[in-house]
N, C-alpha and C. Protein backbone atom coordinates (compact mmCIF):
# COMPACT_ATOMS: atom_id res chain seq x y z
N MET A 1 -65.28 46.02 30.69
CA MET A 1 -64.46 45.10 31.48
C MET A 1 -65.04 43.70 31.43
N VAL A 2 -64.14 42.69 31.36
CA VAL A 2 -64.58 41.30 31.38
C VAL A 2 -64.11 40.65 32.68
N ILE A 3 -64.67 39.49 32.98
CA ILE A 3 -64.40 38.81 34.24
C ILE A 3 -62.91 38.55 34.45
N GLU A 4 -62.21 38.20 33.39
CA GLU A 4 -60.80 37.83 33.52
C GLU A 4 -59.97 38.95 34.16
N GLN A 5 -60.39 40.19 33.98
CA GLN A 5 -59.64 41.32 34.53
C GLN A 5 -59.78 41.45 36.04
N LEU A 6 -60.72 40.72 36.63
CA LEU A 6 -60.94 40.80 38.08
C LEU A 6 -60.29 39.65 38.84
N ILE A 7 -59.62 38.76 38.14
CA ILE A 7 -59.03 37.59 38.80
C ILE A 7 -58.06 38.02 39.90
N SER A 8 -58.20 37.40 41.06
CA SER A 8 -57.36 37.72 42.20
C SER A 8 -56.09 36.88 42.19
N PRO A 9 -54.95 37.49 42.51
CA PRO A 9 -53.69 36.73 42.53
C PRO A 9 -53.47 35.98 43.84
N ILE A 10 -54.37 36.12 44.80
CA ILE A 10 -54.11 35.59 46.15
C ILE A 10 -54.89 34.33 46.48
N VAL A 11 -55.71 33.83 45.56
CA VAL A 11 -56.49 32.62 45.85
C VAL A 11 -55.68 31.39 45.47
N PRO A 12 -55.30 30.56 46.46
CA PRO A 12 -54.52 29.36 46.14
C PRO A 12 -55.41 28.26 45.58
N THR A 13 -54.81 27.25 45.01
CA THR A 13 -55.56 26.12 44.49
C THR A 13 -55.16 24.84 45.22
N LEU A 14 -56.05 23.87 45.14
CA LEU A 14 -55.79 22.55 45.72
C LEU A 14 -55.50 21.56 44.62
N ASP A 15 -54.70 20.58 44.95
CA ASP A 15 -54.34 19.50 44.03
C ASP A 15 -55.06 18.23 44.47
N PRO A 16 -55.46 17.35 43.55
CA PRO A 16 -56.12 16.11 43.95
C PRO A 16 -55.32 15.28 44.95
N LYS A 17 -53.98 15.47 45.01
CA LYS A 17 -53.15 14.72 45.96
C LYS A 17 -53.17 15.34 47.35
N ASP A 18 -53.68 16.54 47.47
CA ASP A 18 -53.80 17.17 48.79
C ASP A 18 -54.83 16.43 49.62
N THR A 19 -54.62 16.37 50.91
CA THR A 19 -55.59 15.72 51.80
C THR A 19 -56.65 16.71 52.25
N GLY A 20 -57.69 16.18 52.87
CA GLY A 20 -58.72 17.04 53.43
C GLY A 20 -58.14 17.96 54.49
N ASN A 21 -57.22 17.44 55.30
CA ASN A 21 -56.59 18.27 56.32
C ASN A 21 -55.79 19.41 55.70
N ARG A 22 -55.10 19.10 54.60
CA ARG A 22 -54.34 20.14 53.90
C ARG A 22 -55.28 21.23 53.38
N ALA A 23 -56.43 20.82 52.86
CA ALA A 23 -57.41 21.78 52.36
C ALA A 23 -57.91 22.68 53.48
N LEU A 24 -58.22 22.10 54.62
CA LEU A 24 -58.72 22.89 55.76
C LEU A 24 -57.66 23.88 56.24
N ASN A 25 -56.42 23.45 56.30
CA ASN A 25 -55.34 24.34 56.75
C ASN A 25 -55.15 25.50 55.78
N LEU A 26 -55.22 25.20 54.48
CA LEU A 26 -55.03 26.25 53.48
C LEU A 26 -56.19 27.25 53.52
N MET A 27 -57.39 26.75 53.75
CA MET A 27 -58.54 27.65 53.87
C MET A 27 -58.38 28.56 55.07
N GLU A 28 -57.94 28.01 56.17
CA GLU A 28 -57.76 28.82 57.39
C GLU A 28 -56.68 29.86 57.19
N GLU A 29 -55.58 29.48 56.54
CA GLU A 29 -54.48 30.42 56.30
C GLU A 29 -54.91 31.60 55.44
N ASN A 30 -55.83 31.36 54.52
CA ASN A 30 -56.25 32.40 53.58
C ASN A 30 -57.61 32.99 53.91
N ASN A 31 -58.17 32.60 55.05
CA ASN A 31 -59.46 33.14 55.49
C ASN A 31 -60.55 32.95 54.44
N LEU A 32 -60.59 31.75 53.85
CA LEU A 32 -61.59 31.40 52.85
C LEU A 32 -62.23 30.07 53.24
N ASN A 33 -63.49 29.89 52.91
CA ASN A 33 -64.14 28.61 53.21
C ASN A 33 -64.37 27.76 51.96
N GLN A 34 -63.79 28.18 50.85
CA GLN A 34 -63.88 27.44 49.59
C GLN A 34 -62.58 27.64 48.82
N LEU A 35 -62.13 26.57 48.16
CA LEU A 35 -60.94 26.68 47.32
C LEU A 35 -61.12 25.81 46.08
N PRO A 36 -60.63 26.26 44.93
CA PRO A 36 -60.76 25.48 43.70
C PRO A 36 -59.80 24.29 43.68
N LEU A 37 -60.27 23.19 43.11
CA LEU A 37 -59.45 22.01 42.91
C LEU A 37 -59.03 21.96 41.44
N VAL A 38 -57.73 21.90 41.20
CA VAL A 38 -57.20 21.99 39.84
C VAL A 38 -56.22 20.84 39.60
N ALA A 39 -56.37 20.18 38.46
CA ALA A 39 -55.47 19.10 38.08
C ALA A 39 -55.01 19.32 36.65
N GLU A 40 -53.69 19.46 36.46
CA GLU A 40 -53.12 19.68 35.14
C GLU A 40 -53.81 20.84 34.42
N GLU A 41 -54.00 21.93 35.16
CA GLU A 41 -54.58 23.19 34.68
C GLU A 41 -56.09 23.09 34.41
N LYS A 42 -56.70 21.94 34.65
CA LYS A 42 -58.13 21.78 34.43
C LYS A 42 -58.89 21.97 35.74
N TYR A 43 -60.01 22.67 35.66
CA TYR A 43 -60.83 22.92 36.84
C TYR A 43 -61.65 21.67 37.16
N MET A 44 -61.46 21.14 38.38
CA MET A 44 -62.11 19.90 38.79
C MET A 44 -63.32 20.12 39.71
N GLY A 45 -63.33 21.23 40.43
CA GLY A 45 -64.44 21.48 41.33
C GLY A 45 -64.06 22.47 42.42
N LEU A 46 -65.04 22.82 43.23
CA LEU A 46 -64.83 23.75 44.34
C LEU A 46 -64.97 22.99 45.66
N VAL A 47 -63.90 22.95 46.41
CA VAL A 47 -63.89 22.25 47.69
C VAL A 47 -64.39 23.19 48.77
N GLN A 48 -65.40 22.73 49.53
CA GLN A 48 -66.01 23.55 50.56
C GLN A 48 -65.64 23.05 51.96
N GLU A 49 -65.39 23.99 52.82
CA GLU A 49 -64.96 23.66 54.18
C GLU A 49 -65.95 22.74 54.88
N ASN A 50 -67.24 23.05 54.82
CA ASN A 50 -68.23 22.25 55.52
C ASN A 50 -68.25 20.81 55.04
N ASP A 51 -68.04 20.61 53.74
CA ASP A 51 -68.03 19.25 53.21
C ASP A 51 -66.85 18.46 53.76
N VAL A 52 -65.69 19.09 53.80
CA VAL A 52 -64.49 18.40 54.29
C VAL A 52 -64.62 18.09 55.78
N LEU A 53 -65.22 19.00 56.53
CA LEU A 53 -65.39 18.78 57.96
C LEU A 53 -66.29 17.57 58.24
N ASP A 54 -67.15 17.23 57.29
CA ASP A 54 -68.05 16.09 57.46
C ASP A 54 -67.38 14.75 57.14
N TRP A 55 -66.17 14.80 56.58
CA TRP A 55 -65.49 13.55 56.24
C TRP A 55 -65.10 12.78 57.50
N GLU A 56 -65.25 11.47 57.45
CA GLU A 56 -64.80 10.64 58.55
C GLU A 56 -63.28 10.52 58.58
N LYS A 57 -62.67 10.61 57.39
CA LYS A 57 -61.22 10.47 57.29
C LYS A 57 -60.64 11.66 56.51
N PRO A 58 -60.43 12.79 57.19
CA PRO A 58 -59.91 13.98 56.49
C PRO A 58 -58.48 13.81 56.01
N GLU A 59 -57.82 12.72 56.39
CA GLU A 59 -56.46 12.48 55.90
C GLU A 59 -56.46 11.89 54.49
N VAL A 60 -57.64 11.56 53.97
CA VAL A 60 -57.77 11.01 52.62
C VAL A 60 -57.48 12.10 51.59
N GLN A 61 -56.85 11.73 50.48
CA GLN A 61 -56.58 12.68 49.42
C GLN A 61 -57.88 13.14 48.75
N LEU A 62 -57.89 14.38 48.31
CA LEU A 62 -59.10 14.94 47.70
C LEU A 62 -59.51 14.15 46.47
N GLY A 63 -58.55 13.70 45.70
CA GLY A 63 -58.86 12.96 44.48
C GLY A 63 -59.50 11.62 44.73
N GLU A 64 -59.41 11.12 45.96
CA GLU A 64 -59.97 9.82 46.30
C GLU A 64 -61.28 9.94 47.08
N ALA A 65 -61.70 11.18 47.33
CA ALA A 65 -62.88 11.39 48.17
C ALA A 65 -64.16 10.90 47.50
N GLY A 66 -64.26 11.08 46.20
CA GLY A 66 -65.42 10.59 45.47
C GLY A 66 -66.67 11.43 45.63
N THR A 67 -66.60 12.55 46.32
CA THR A 67 -67.78 13.38 46.55
C THR A 67 -67.62 14.80 46.01
N LEU A 68 -66.54 15.05 45.30
CA LEU A 68 -66.27 16.41 44.84
C LEU A 68 -66.88 16.63 43.45
N ASN A 69 -68.15 16.92 43.44
CA ASN A 69 -68.85 17.13 42.17
C ASN A 69 -69.51 18.50 42.07
N TYR A 70 -69.06 19.43 42.90
CA TYR A 70 -69.59 20.79 42.90
C TYR A 70 -68.67 21.65 42.06
N ARG A 71 -69.17 22.17 40.91
CA ARG A 71 -68.30 22.85 39.96
C ARG A 71 -68.85 24.19 39.48
N PRO A 72 -69.18 25.11 40.37
CA PRO A 72 -69.61 26.43 39.90
C PRO A 72 -68.44 27.17 39.26
N ALA A 73 -68.70 27.90 38.19
CA ALA A 73 -67.65 28.65 37.51
C ALA A 73 -68.26 29.65 36.56
N VAL A 74 -67.46 30.60 36.13
CA VAL A 74 -67.86 31.57 35.11
C VAL A 74 -66.79 31.61 34.03
N PHE A 75 -67.20 32.01 32.84
CA PHE A 75 -66.25 32.11 31.74
C PHE A 75 -65.50 33.44 31.78
N ALA A 76 -64.23 33.38 31.40
CA ALA A 76 -63.37 34.56 31.48
C ALA A 76 -63.87 35.72 30.65
N SER A 77 -64.58 35.42 29.56
CA SER A 77 -65.03 36.47 28.66
C SER A 77 -66.36 37.10 29.06
N GLY A 78 -66.96 36.62 30.16
CA GLY A 78 -68.25 37.15 30.60
C GLY A 78 -68.14 38.50 31.29
N HIS A 79 -69.30 39.05 31.63
CA HIS A 79 -69.35 40.33 32.34
C HIS A 79 -69.25 40.08 33.85
N PRO A 80 -68.64 41.00 34.61
CA PRO A 80 -68.54 40.81 36.06
C PRO A 80 -69.89 40.57 36.74
N TYR A 81 -70.98 41.05 36.15
CA TYR A 81 -72.29 40.79 36.75
C TYR A 81 -72.62 39.30 36.74
N ASP A 82 -72.07 38.53 35.79
CA ASP A 82 -72.26 37.09 35.80
C ASP A 82 -71.66 36.48 37.06
N ALA A 83 -70.47 36.94 37.41
CA ALA A 83 -69.81 36.46 38.62
C ALA A 83 -70.56 36.91 39.86
N LEU A 84 -71.06 38.13 39.82
CA LEU A 84 -71.83 38.66 40.94
C LEU A 84 -73.09 37.84 41.18
N ARG A 85 -73.75 37.48 40.09
CA ARG A 85 -74.99 36.71 40.20
C ARG A 85 -74.74 35.32 40.79
N ILE A 86 -73.75 34.63 40.26
CA ILE A 86 -73.50 33.27 40.74
C ILE A 86 -72.95 33.28 42.16
N ALA A 87 -72.19 34.31 42.51
CA ALA A 87 -71.68 34.42 43.88
C ALA A 87 -72.83 34.54 44.87
N HIS A 88 -73.84 35.32 44.51
CA HIS A 88 -75.01 35.45 45.38
C HIS A 88 -75.85 34.19 45.40
N GLN A 89 -76.18 33.68 44.23
CA GLN A 89 -77.08 32.53 44.14
C GLN A 89 -76.54 31.30 44.85
N GLN A 90 -75.21 31.13 44.81
CA GLN A 90 -74.63 29.93 45.40
C GLN A 90 -73.76 30.23 46.63
N ASN A 91 -73.86 31.47 47.12
CA ASN A 91 -73.17 31.88 48.34
C ASN A 91 -71.68 31.53 48.28
N LEU A 92 -71.01 32.03 47.26
CA LEU A 92 -69.61 31.71 47.03
C LEU A 92 -68.69 32.77 47.61
N ALA A 93 -67.63 32.31 48.27
CA ALA A 93 -66.57 33.21 48.72
C ALA A 93 -65.59 33.46 47.60
N VAL A 94 -65.43 32.48 46.72
CA VAL A 94 -64.59 32.63 45.53
C VAL A 94 -65.35 32.10 44.32
N VAL A 95 -65.17 32.73 43.19
CA VAL A 95 -65.82 32.30 41.95
C VAL A 95 -64.73 31.87 40.97
N PRO A 96 -64.61 30.57 40.68
CA PRO A 96 -63.60 30.10 39.73
C PRO A 96 -63.87 30.61 38.32
N VAL A 97 -62.80 30.92 37.60
CA VAL A 97 -62.89 31.44 36.24
C VAL A 97 -62.22 30.44 35.29
N ILE A 98 -62.92 30.08 34.21
CA ILE A 98 -62.40 29.10 33.27
C ILE A 98 -62.53 29.63 31.84
N ASP A 99 -61.85 28.94 30.89
CA ASP A 99 -62.04 29.26 29.50
C ASP A 99 -62.96 28.22 28.87
N ASN A 100 -63.13 28.27 27.57
CA ASN A 100 -64.08 27.38 26.90
C ASN A 100 -63.64 25.91 26.92
N GLU A 101 -62.39 25.65 27.28
CA GLU A 101 -61.88 24.29 27.35
C GLU A 101 -61.72 23.82 28.79
N ASN A 102 -62.37 24.52 29.71
CA ASN A 102 -62.34 24.17 31.14
C ASN A 102 -60.95 24.35 31.77
N LYS A 103 -60.11 25.15 31.15
CA LYS A 103 -58.83 25.46 31.76
C LYS A 103 -59.05 26.47 32.88
N TYR A 104 -58.47 26.19 34.04
CA TYR A 104 -58.61 27.09 35.18
C TYR A 104 -57.71 28.30 35.01
N LEU A 105 -58.29 29.49 35.07
CA LEU A 105 -57.55 30.73 34.87
C LEU A 105 -57.31 31.50 36.16
N GLY A 106 -58.08 31.20 37.19
CA GLY A 106 -57.97 31.91 38.46
C GLY A 106 -59.34 32.03 39.11
N SER A 107 -59.40 32.82 40.16
CA SER A 107 -60.66 33.00 40.88
C SER A 107 -60.87 34.46 41.24
N ILE A 108 -62.13 34.82 41.40
CA ILE A 108 -62.51 36.15 41.86
C ILE A 108 -63.09 36.00 43.26
N THR A 109 -62.66 36.84 44.18
CA THR A 109 -63.20 36.78 45.53
C THR A 109 -64.43 37.68 45.68
N ARG A 110 -65.18 37.45 46.72
CA ARG A 110 -66.34 38.28 47.00
C ARG A 110 -65.93 39.74 47.20
N ASP A 111 -64.79 39.94 47.85
CA ASP A 111 -64.29 41.31 48.05
C ASP A 111 -63.96 41.97 46.72
N ASP A 112 -63.42 41.20 45.77
CA ASP A 112 -63.12 41.74 44.44
C ASP A 112 -64.39 42.25 43.78
N LEU A 113 -65.48 41.49 43.92
CA LEU A 113 -66.75 41.87 43.30
C LEU A 113 -67.32 43.12 43.95
N LEU A 114 -67.23 43.19 45.27
CA LEU A 114 -67.73 44.38 45.96
C LEU A 114 -66.91 45.61 45.57
N LYS A 115 -65.60 45.43 45.45
CA LYS A 115 -64.76 46.55 45.03
C LYS A 115 -65.12 47.00 43.63
N TYR A 116 -65.35 46.03 42.73
CA TYR A 116 -65.70 46.38 41.35
C TYR A 116 -66.98 47.20 41.30
N ILE A 117 -68.03 46.73 41.97
CA ILE A 117 -69.31 47.41 41.86
C ILE A 117 -69.28 48.76 42.57
N THR A 118 -68.46 48.86 43.62
CA THR A 118 -68.31 50.14 44.32
C THR A 118 -67.61 51.16 43.42
N GLU A 119 -66.53 50.74 42.79
CA GLU A 119 -65.77 51.66 41.94
C GLU A 119 -66.54 52.06 40.69
N ASN A 120 -67.49 51.25 40.29
CA ASN A 120 -68.24 51.54 39.07
C ASN A 120 -69.65 52.08 39.35
N SER A 121 -69.90 52.46 40.59
CA SER A 121 -71.22 52.98 40.93
C SER A 121 -71.20 54.46 41.29
N GLY A 122 -70.01 55.05 41.32
CA GLY A 122 -69.91 56.47 41.64
C GLY A 122 -69.93 56.79 43.12
N VAL A 123 -69.75 55.77 43.98
CA VAL A 123 -69.78 56.01 45.43
C VAL A 123 -68.73 57.04 45.84
N SER A 124 -67.56 56.99 45.23
CA SER A 124 -66.48 57.89 45.66
C SER A 124 -66.62 59.30 45.10
N ASN A 125 -67.56 59.50 44.18
CA ASN A 125 -67.75 60.84 43.63
C ASN A 125 -68.58 61.69 44.58
N PRO A 126 -68.26 62.99 44.70
CA PRO A 126 -69.08 63.86 45.54
C PRO A 126 -70.47 64.03 44.94
N GLY A 127 -71.45 64.17 45.78
CA GLY A 127 -72.82 64.36 45.31
C GLY A 127 -73.83 63.76 46.26
N GLY A 128 -75.10 63.95 45.95
CA GLY A 128 -76.17 63.45 46.78
C GLY A 128 -76.90 62.29 46.13
N ILE A 129 -77.88 61.77 46.86
CA ILE A 129 -78.63 60.60 46.41
C ILE A 129 -80.12 60.85 46.56
N ILE A 130 -80.87 60.47 45.54
CA ILE A 130 -82.33 60.50 45.59
C ILE A 130 -82.83 59.10 45.28
N VAL A 131 -83.81 58.65 46.05
CA VAL A 131 -84.44 57.36 45.80
C VAL A 131 -85.89 57.59 45.40
N LEU A 132 -86.21 57.14 44.19
CA LEU A 132 -87.58 57.24 43.68
C LEU A 132 -88.26 55.88 43.80
N GLN A 133 -89.54 55.91 44.14
CA GLN A 133 -90.31 54.67 44.21
C GLN A 133 -91.46 54.76 43.22
N MET A 134 -91.65 53.68 42.45
CA MET A 134 -92.68 53.73 41.42
C MET A 134 -93.14 52.33 41.04
N ASP A 135 -94.28 52.28 40.39
CA ASP A 135 -94.74 51.03 39.79
C ASP A 135 -93.82 50.69 38.63
N PRO A 136 -93.44 49.42 38.47
CA PRO A 136 -92.55 49.04 37.37
C PRO A 136 -93.04 49.50 36.00
N ARG A 137 -94.35 49.59 35.81
CA ARG A 137 -94.91 50.01 34.53
C ARG A 137 -94.61 51.47 34.21
N ASN A 138 -94.30 52.24 35.25
CA ASN A 138 -94.06 53.67 35.05
C ASN A 138 -92.58 54.04 34.95
N TYR A 139 -91.73 53.02 34.97
CA TYR A 139 -90.29 53.31 34.96
C TYR A 139 -89.82 53.70 33.57
N SER A 140 -89.14 54.84 33.50
CA SER A 140 -88.52 55.29 32.25
C SER A 140 -87.26 56.07 32.60
N LEU A 141 -86.12 55.46 32.36
CA LEU A 141 -84.87 56.15 32.66
C LEU A 141 -84.70 57.38 31.78
N THR A 142 -85.23 57.31 30.58
CA THR A 142 -85.16 58.47 29.68
C THR A 142 -85.88 59.67 30.28
N GLU A 143 -87.07 59.43 30.81
CA GLU A 143 -87.85 60.51 31.43
C GLU A 143 -87.15 61.04 32.67
N ILE A 144 -86.61 60.14 33.50
CA ILE A 144 -85.91 60.56 34.71
C ILE A 144 -84.69 61.41 34.35
N ALA A 145 -83.94 60.97 33.33
CA ALA A 145 -82.77 61.73 32.90
C ALA A 145 -83.17 63.10 32.36
N ARG A 146 -84.29 63.16 31.65
CA ARG A 146 -84.76 64.44 31.10
C ARG A 146 -85.08 65.43 32.21
N ILE A 147 -85.70 64.94 33.28
CA ILE A 147 -86.04 65.82 34.41
C ILE A 147 -84.76 66.34 35.07
N CYS A 148 -83.78 65.46 35.23
CA CYS A 148 -82.51 65.87 35.82
C CYS A 148 -81.83 66.92 34.94
N GLU A 149 -81.82 66.69 33.67
CA GLU A 149 -81.18 67.63 32.74
C GLU A 149 -81.86 68.99 32.77
N SER A 150 -83.17 69.00 32.97
CA SER A 150 -83.90 70.27 33.02
C SER A 150 -83.49 71.11 34.22
N GLU A 151 -82.94 70.46 35.25
CA GLU A 151 -82.47 71.18 36.44
C GLU A 151 -80.94 71.30 36.45
N ASP A 152 -80.32 70.98 35.30
CA ASP A 152 -78.87 71.03 35.17
C ASP A 152 -78.18 70.13 36.19
N VAL A 153 -78.76 68.96 36.38
CA VAL A 153 -78.21 67.95 37.29
C VAL A 153 -77.81 66.73 36.47
N MET A 154 -76.63 66.19 36.77
CA MET A 154 -76.13 65.02 36.04
C MET A 154 -76.26 63.76 36.88
N ILE A 155 -76.74 62.68 36.26
CA ILE A 155 -76.81 61.39 36.93
C ILE A 155 -75.45 60.71 36.81
N ILE A 156 -74.79 60.50 37.93
CA ILE A 156 -73.49 59.83 37.94
C ILE A 156 -73.68 58.32 37.80
N SER A 157 -74.67 57.79 38.50
CA SER A 157 -74.98 56.37 38.39
C SER A 157 -76.41 56.14 38.83
N SER A 158 -76.97 55.01 38.43
CA SER A 158 -78.32 54.66 38.85
C SER A 158 -78.39 53.17 39.12
N GLN A 159 -79.20 52.81 40.10
CA GLN A 159 -79.42 51.40 40.43
C GLN A 159 -80.92 51.18 40.56
N VAL A 160 -81.40 50.07 40.03
CA VAL A 160 -82.81 49.74 40.09
C VAL A 160 -82.99 48.49 40.93
N PHE A 161 -83.82 48.59 41.95
CA PHE A 161 -84.04 47.51 42.89
C PHE A 161 -85.53 47.24 43.01
N THR A 162 -85.94 45.98 42.87
CA THR A 162 -87.34 45.61 43.04
C THR A 162 -87.57 45.18 44.47
N ASN A 163 -88.42 45.92 45.18
CA ASN A 163 -88.73 45.58 46.56
C ASN A 163 -89.52 44.28 46.59
N PRO A 164 -88.99 43.22 47.21
CA PRO A 164 -89.68 41.93 47.19
C PRO A 164 -90.97 41.92 48.01
N VAL A 165 -91.15 42.90 48.86
CA VAL A 165 -92.35 42.94 49.71
C VAL A 165 -93.55 43.48 48.95
N ASN A 166 -93.36 44.62 48.25
CA ASN A 166 -94.50 45.26 47.58
C ASN A 166 -94.39 45.26 46.06
N GLY A 167 -93.28 44.77 45.51
CA GLY A 167 -93.13 44.70 44.06
C GLY A 167 -92.84 46.04 43.40
N MET A 168 -92.65 47.09 44.18
CA MET A 168 -92.37 48.41 43.63
C MET A 168 -90.90 48.54 43.27
N LEU A 169 -90.64 49.36 42.25
CA LEU A 169 -89.26 49.67 41.89
C LEU A 169 -88.73 50.80 42.77
N GLU A 170 -87.49 50.66 43.22
CA GLU A 170 -86.80 51.74 43.90
C GLU A 170 -85.59 52.11 43.04
N VAL A 171 -85.62 53.30 42.50
CA VAL A 171 -84.57 53.77 41.61
C VAL A 171 -83.66 54.71 42.40
N THR A 172 -82.44 54.28 42.62
CA THR A 172 -81.47 55.08 43.37
C THR A 172 -80.60 55.85 42.40
N LEU A 173 -80.63 57.18 42.52
CA LEU A 173 -79.86 58.05 41.63
C LEU A 173 -78.75 58.72 42.40
N LYS A 174 -77.52 58.51 41.96
CA LYS A 174 -76.38 59.26 42.50
C LYS A 174 -76.19 60.46 41.59
N LEU A 175 -76.28 61.65 42.15
CA LEU A 175 -76.24 62.88 41.36
C LEU A 175 -74.98 63.68 41.66
N ASN A 176 -74.69 64.63 40.82
CA ASN A 176 -73.45 65.40 40.98
C ASN A 176 -73.63 66.63 41.85
N ARG A 177 -74.76 66.73 42.54
CA ARG A 177 -75.01 67.86 43.43
C ARG A 177 -75.39 67.36 44.82
N THR A 178 -75.10 68.16 45.82
CA THR A 178 -75.54 67.85 47.18
C THR A 178 -76.78 68.67 47.57
N ASP A 179 -76.98 69.80 46.91
CA ASP A 179 -78.17 70.61 47.13
C ASP A 179 -79.27 70.08 46.20
N LEU A 180 -80.16 69.29 46.75
CA LEU A 180 -81.11 68.55 45.91
C LEU A 180 -82.54 69.09 45.97
N GLY A 181 -82.72 70.24 46.61
CA GLY A 181 -84.06 70.77 46.77
C GLY A 181 -84.79 70.98 45.46
N ALA A 182 -84.12 71.58 44.48
CA ALA A 182 -84.76 71.90 43.21
C ALA A 182 -85.13 70.64 42.44
N ILE A 183 -84.24 69.66 42.39
CA ILE A 183 -84.54 68.45 41.62
C ILE A 183 -85.61 67.62 42.31
N VAL A 184 -85.64 67.65 43.65
CA VAL A 184 -86.71 66.94 44.37
C VAL A 184 -88.06 67.56 44.03
N SER A 185 -88.12 68.87 44.04
CA SER A 185 -89.37 69.56 43.68
C SER A 185 -89.78 69.25 42.26
N SER A 186 -88.80 69.16 41.36
CA SER A 186 -89.11 68.86 39.97
C SER A 186 -89.67 67.45 39.82
N PHE A 187 -89.10 66.50 40.51
CA PHE A 187 -89.63 65.13 40.46
C PHE A 187 -91.06 65.09 41.00
N GLU A 188 -91.30 65.81 42.08
CA GLU A 188 -92.63 65.81 42.67
C GLU A 188 -93.64 66.47 41.76
N ARG A 189 -93.22 67.51 41.03
CA ARG A 189 -94.11 68.15 40.07
C ARG A 189 -94.50 67.18 38.96
N HIS A 190 -93.60 66.27 38.64
CA HIS A 190 -93.88 65.27 37.61
C HIS A 190 -94.52 64.01 38.21
N GLU A 191 -94.98 64.14 39.45
CA GLU A 191 -95.73 63.08 40.14
C GLU A 191 -94.90 61.83 40.41
N TYR A 192 -93.62 62.04 40.65
CA TYR A 192 -92.78 60.94 41.12
C TYR A 192 -92.80 60.93 42.64
N HIS A 193 -92.79 59.72 43.22
CA HIS A 193 -92.71 59.61 44.67
C HIS A 193 -91.24 59.57 45.09
N VAL A 194 -90.79 60.64 45.75
CA VAL A 194 -89.42 60.71 46.24
C VAL A 194 -89.40 60.05 47.61
N LYS A 195 -88.86 58.85 47.66
CA LYS A 195 -88.89 58.08 48.90
C LYS A 195 -87.84 58.56 49.90
N GLU A 196 -86.62 58.83 49.42
CA GLU A 196 -85.54 59.21 50.32
C GLU A 196 -84.61 60.21 49.63
N VAL A 197 -84.01 61.08 50.43
CA VAL A 197 -83.05 62.05 49.92
C VAL A 197 -81.86 62.06 50.88
N PHE A 198 -80.66 61.98 50.31
CA PHE A 198 -79.46 61.97 51.13
C PHE A 198 -78.46 62.98 50.58
N GLY A 199 -77.95 63.81 51.49
CA GLY A 199 -76.91 64.75 51.11
C GLY A 199 -75.55 64.09 51.17
N GLU A 200 -74.54 64.86 50.93
CA GLU A 200 -73.18 64.31 50.81
C GLU A 200 -72.71 63.67 52.10
N GLN A 201 -73.11 64.18 53.25
CA GLN A 201 -72.59 63.66 54.50
C GLN A 201 -72.99 62.21 54.74
N ALA A 202 -74.19 61.85 54.25
CA ALA A 202 -74.68 60.51 54.55
C ALA A 202 -74.62 59.56 53.37
N HIS A 203 -74.19 60.07 52.22
CA HIS A 203 -74.42 59.29 51.01
C HIS A 203 -73.58 58.02 50.93
N GLU A 204 -72.32 58.03 51.40
CA GLU A 204 -71.46 56.89 51.14
C GLU A 204 -71.93 55.64 51.88
N GLU A 205 -72.26 55.79 53.18
CA GLU A 205 -72.70 54.63 53.94
C GLU A 205 -73.99 54.06 53.39
N ASP A 206 -74.92 54.95 53.03
CA ASP A 206 -76.19 54.47 52.50
C ASP A 206 -76.00 53.79 51.15
N MET A 207 -75.13 54.36 50.31
CA MET A 207 -74.93 53.77 48.99
C MET A 207 -74.31 52.39 49.11
N MET A 208 -73.42 52.20 50.07
CA MET A 208 -72.83 50.89 50.27
C MET A 208 -73.90 49.88 50.67
N ASP A 209 -74.84 50.31 51.53
CA ASP A 209 -75.94 49.41 51.90
C ASP A 209 -76.77 49.03 50.70
N ARG A 210 -76.99 49.98 49.82
CA ARG A 210 -77.80 49.70 48.63
C ARG A 210 -77.05 48.83 47.64
N LEU A 211 -75.73 48.97 47.60
CA LEU A 211 -74.95 48.11 46.72
C LEU A 211 -75.02 46.67 47.20
N LYS A 212 -75.06 46.48 48.51
CA LYS A 212 -75.18 45.12 49.05
C LYS A 212 -76.55 44.55 48.69
N LEU A 213 -77.59 45.41 48.76
CA LEU A 213 -78.92 44.95 48.34
C LEU A 213 -78.93 44.57 46.88
N LEU A 214 -78.22 45.37 46.06
CA LEU A 214 -78.15 45.04 44.65
C LEU A 214 -77.51 43.68 44.43
N MET A 215 -76.44 43.40 45.17
CA MET A 215 -75.77 42.12 45.05
C MET A 215 -76.69 40.97 45.45
N ASN A 216 -77.61 41.25 46.38
CA ASN A 216 -78.53 40.21 46.83
C ASN A 216 -79.65 39.95 45.88
N TYR A 217 -80.05 40.96 45.11
CA TYR A 217 -81.25 40.82 44.30
C TYR A 217 -81.05 40.96 42.80
N ILE A 218 -79.81 41.24 42.36
CA ILE A 218 -79.60 41.38 40.91
C ILE A 218 -79.89 40.05 40.22
N ASN A 219 -80.53 40.11 39.09
CA ASN A 219 -80.90 38.89 38.37
C ASN A 219 -80.67 39.14 36.89
N MET A 220 -79.49 38.77 36.44
CA MET A 220 -79.14 39.04 35.05
C MET A 220 -79.92 38.10 34.14
C-alpha cells in the first residue's frame, strides 16, 4: 500500500482568498485544527488554528498574511509509515499529500493512520499476546519465529519498541493462540525474558495501547 490510497475525502482545503475567520470556522466545522492551503492545485502550506488565533486582524485574507510558511507534506508514492512518522514528529492532525510537482492530491487524517496500523497489525484477529524484553544485541526475529514454529504457533504480527528509559527492546508478538503456556515455557527455556502475557480477553485494549506507543516512537 502507498500513501495515496489512504487519502481522506473529508478534509477540506483553504484558498488564499479565504480570510482567517473563514479558516477558523471551517476548522471548527470539521473538528480539525489544521487545514491545507491550496492555490491552483498547488500546495501552499498548512494553516494552523493557533497561528490564526494570534492574528491581530483575522479578517485578512490568508494570501496576504505573509506568515504562512509551514509546509509539511508527504509524497503520494511513499509508504504510510512516512506519514505516520511526520504526523508524530510535527504533531499533525492532517498530513498533506503531494506529487513530485507539488500538486496537492489530498490529506490523510490522524484517524486514517490509526485505522491503517490497526488493520495491518492483526488486532482484530483472535489470539493472544506475548511481550519479550531483551538487549537490542540479542534480537533475532528469525530465532523468535523458529521457537514459535517449534510449538506450532504462528506469529500474526510483531512490533518492536525501544524503551526510552532503559534502552531495552520490547518485542510484542500477536499469536494465533490464546493458550500460551507452552510457548511461554519454550521462550523461557531459550532464556528469553517474557515480560507480559495477555490472553484473548485482554488483548485488544492492550494492543491498541501499544500501537499508540509505536506511533509515538517509530523512527523510519
